[in-house]
Protein backbone atom coordinates (compact mmCIF):
# COMPACT_ATOMS: atom_id res chain seq x y z
CA UNK A 1 201.22 -16.04 140.41
CA UNK A 2 199.76 -13.27 142.60
CA UNK A 3 201.42 -10.13 143.91
CA UNK A 4 201.41 -11.40 147.50
CA UNK A 5 202.87 -14.84 146.75
CA UNK A 6 205.08 -16.26 144.04
CA UNK A 7 205.05 -19.75 142.62
CA UNK A 8 203.97 -22.59 144.87
CA UNK A 9 205.91 -25.84 145.05
CA UNK A 10 203.36 -27.53 142.77
CA UNK A 11 203.90 -24.87 140.09
CA UNK A 12 207.62 -25.54 139.67
CA UNK A 13 209.39 -28.11 137.50
CA UNK A 14 212.94 -28.66 136.25
CA UNK A 15 213.88 -26.44 133.33
CA UNK A 16 211.83 -23.42 134.39
CA UNK A 17 213.93 -20.27 134.65
CA UNK A 18 213.78 -16.55 135.31
CA UNK A 19 216.22 -13.66 134.87
CA UNK A 20 216.86 -10.07 135.85
CA UNK A 21 219.22 -7.56 134.27
CA UNK A 22 221.06 -4.57 135.67
CA UNK A 23 223.78 -2.22 134.50
CA UNK A 24 226.34 -1.65 137.26
CA UNK A 25 226.93 2.01 138.14
CA UNK A 26 229.45 3.84 140.29
CA UNK A 27 226.53 4.69 142.60
CA UNK A 28 225.69 0.98 143.00
CA UNK A 29 229.26 0.18 144.09
CA UNK A 30 229.42 3.14 146.47
CA UNK A 31 226.04 2.30 148.01
CA UNK A 32 226.98 -1.38 148.38
CA UNK A 33 230.26 -0.43 150.08
CA UNK A 34 228.33 1.77 152.50
CA UNK A 35 225.69 -0.86 153.20
CA UNK A 36 228.05 -3.82 153.54
CA UNK A 37 231.00 -2.05 155.14
CA UNK A 38 233.30 -3.55 152.46
CA UNK A 39 235.39 -0.51 151.61
CA UNK A 40 238.20 -2.44 149.91
CA UNK A 41 239.91 0.16 147.68
CA UNK A 42 239.76 -2.19 144.67
CA UNK A 43 236.07 -1.23 144.59
CA UNK A 44 236.32 2.46 145.46
CA UNK A 45 239.72 3.91 144.51
CA UNK A 46 240.63 4.21 140.83
CA UNK A 47 244.35 4.77 141.56
CA UNK A 48 244.57 1.74 143.83
CA UNK A 49 242.60 -0.43 141.38
CA UNK A 50 244.92 0.59 138.52
CA UNK A 51 247.72 -1.28 140.32
CA UNK A 52 245.75 -4.53 140.48
CA UNK A 53 245.37 -7.33 137.95
CA UNK A 54 242.03 -5.77 136.91
CA UNK A 55 243.56 -2.34 136.06
CA UNK A 56 240.36 -0.56 137.11
CA UNK A 57 237.70 -0.66 139.83
CA UNK A 58 235.57 -3.76 140.13
CA UNK A 59 232.14 -4.32 141.64
CA UNK A 60 231.83 -6.32 144.84
CA UNK A 61 231.30 -10.02 144.18
CA UNK A 62 228.35 -10.06 146.56
CA UNK A 63 226.78 -7.11 144.75
CA UNK A 64 226.76 -9.31 141.66
CA UNK A 65 225.58 -12.30 143.72
CA UNK A 66 222.73 -10.30 145.16
CA UNK A 67 221.07 -10.47 141.74
CA UNK A 68 220.43 -14.18 142.39
CA UNK A 69 218.43 -13.11 145.43
CA UNK A 70 216.54 -10.64 143.24
CA UNK A 71 215.58 -13.35 140.75
CA UNK A 72 214.61 -15.88 143.40
CA UNK A 73 212.83 -13.47 145.74
CA UNK A 74 210.88 -11.49 143.14
CA UNK A 75 210.50 -13.63 140.00
CA UNK A 76 210.79 -17.36 140.65
CA UNK A 77 209.84 -18.80 143.04
CA UNK A 78 209.13 -15.21 144.11
CA UNK A 79 207.52 -13.76 147.22
CA UNK A 80 207.13 -16.27 150.05
CA UNK A 81 210.17 -18.42 149.29
CA UNK A 82 212.91 -18.89 151.90
CA UNK A 83 216.62 -19.08 151.02
CA UNK A 84 218.35 -22.10 152.56
CA UNK A 85 221.74 -22.01 150.84
CA UNK A 86 223.67 -20.43 147.98
CA UNK A 87 227.05 -21.36 146.54
CA UNK A 88 229.00 -18.89 144.43
CA UNK A 89 232.02 -19.33 142.16
CA UNK A 90 233.51 -16.07 140.94
CA UNK A 91 234.59 -16.47 137.31
CA UNK A 92 235.60 -12.93 136.33
CA UNK A 93 235.46 -9.27 137.27
CA UNK A 94 232.48 -6.96 136.94
CA UNK A 95 233.22 -3.38 135.96
CA UNK A 96 231.25 -0.15 136.09
CA UNK A 97 229.02 -0.05 133.00
CA UNK A 98 228.77 -3.83 132.63
CA UNK A 99 225.29 -5.12 131.88
CA UNK A 100 224.58 -8.08 134.15
CA UNK A 101 222.00 -10.76 133.46
CA UNK A 102 221.35 -13.16 136.33
CA UNK A 103 219.43 -16.33 135.51
CA UNK A 104 218.21 -19.01 137.91
CA UNK A 105 216.97 -22.32 136.52
CA UNK A 106 215.09 -25.02 138.41
CA UNK A 107 217.14 -28.25 138.53
CA UNK A 108 215.12 -30.29 141.04
CA UNK A 109 211.87 -30.14 143.01
CA UNK A 110 211.69 -32.19 146.21
CA UNK A 111 207.94 -32.46 146.84
CA UNK A 112 208.43 -34.40 150.08
CA UNK A 113 210.71 -31.82 151.72
CA UNK A 114 209.28 -28.72 150.00
CA UNK A 115 212.68 -27.77 148.57
CA UNK A 116 213.66 -26.50 145.13
CA UNK A 117 217.20 -26.47 143.71
CA UNK A 118 218.42 -23.93 141.16
CA UNK A 119 221.45 -23.45 138.93
CA UNK A 120 222.42 -19.78 138.99
CA UNK A 121 224.49 -17.96 136.35
CA UNK A 122 225.33 -14.28 136.06
CA UNK A 123 226.81 -12.94 132.84
CA UNK A 124 228.40 -9.55 132.20
CA UNK A 125 228.09 -8.50 128.58
CA UNK A 126 227.69 -12.15 127.59
CA UNK A 127 230.62 -13.57 129.61
CA UNK A 128 229.99 -15.69 132.74
CA UNK A 129 231.22 -13.87 135.86
CA UNK A 130 229.44 -15.81 138.62
CA UNK A 131 227.90 -19.27 138.89
CA UNK A 132 226.37 -21.18 141.75
CA UNK A 133 223.57 -23.26 143.12
CA UNK A 134 220.70 -22.25 145.38
CA UNK A 135 218.36 -24.25 147.59
CA UNK A 136 215.05 -22.73 148.60
CA UNK A 137 212.10 -23.69 150.74
CA UNK A 138 208.89 -23.17 148.78
CA UNK A 139 205.43 -23.44 150.30
CA UNK A 140 202.72 -25.72 149.02
CA UNK A 141 199.53 -24.35 147.54
CA UNK A 142 196.94 -23.76 150.31
CA UNK A 143 194.04 -26.17 150.38
CA UNK A 144 190.40 -25.24 150.93
CA UNK A 145 189.94 -27.48 153.98
């Protein structure tokens, strides 16, 4: 794998996986709210969040989900891949200070269509908080024609 391109379609097979980890900070949540425009007080206001089922502020679900994009866009398949779809099932809250580990695992490689399917799981301190599936377009290795 080079710095200008990640894995090629021919390099991938079911079972391969990659992960990234990140500890969620107050600054991450504030920056994500600013970037996304999602200023729901459950993310930003401690007093408001105390009155919810979570009892304290939670990170945005799509902040957590963005770690799938980090894995797929930087690790595997990596640079050059194109996202086609992503499902997400939110399984539990993510709090400030939680250590997240997002893992994407190849489940299928469609050589004919140039598509790769992934199972995606994000855990916070060892508990699953987000699962889903991704479909990516991955380029074939260039030939020396």
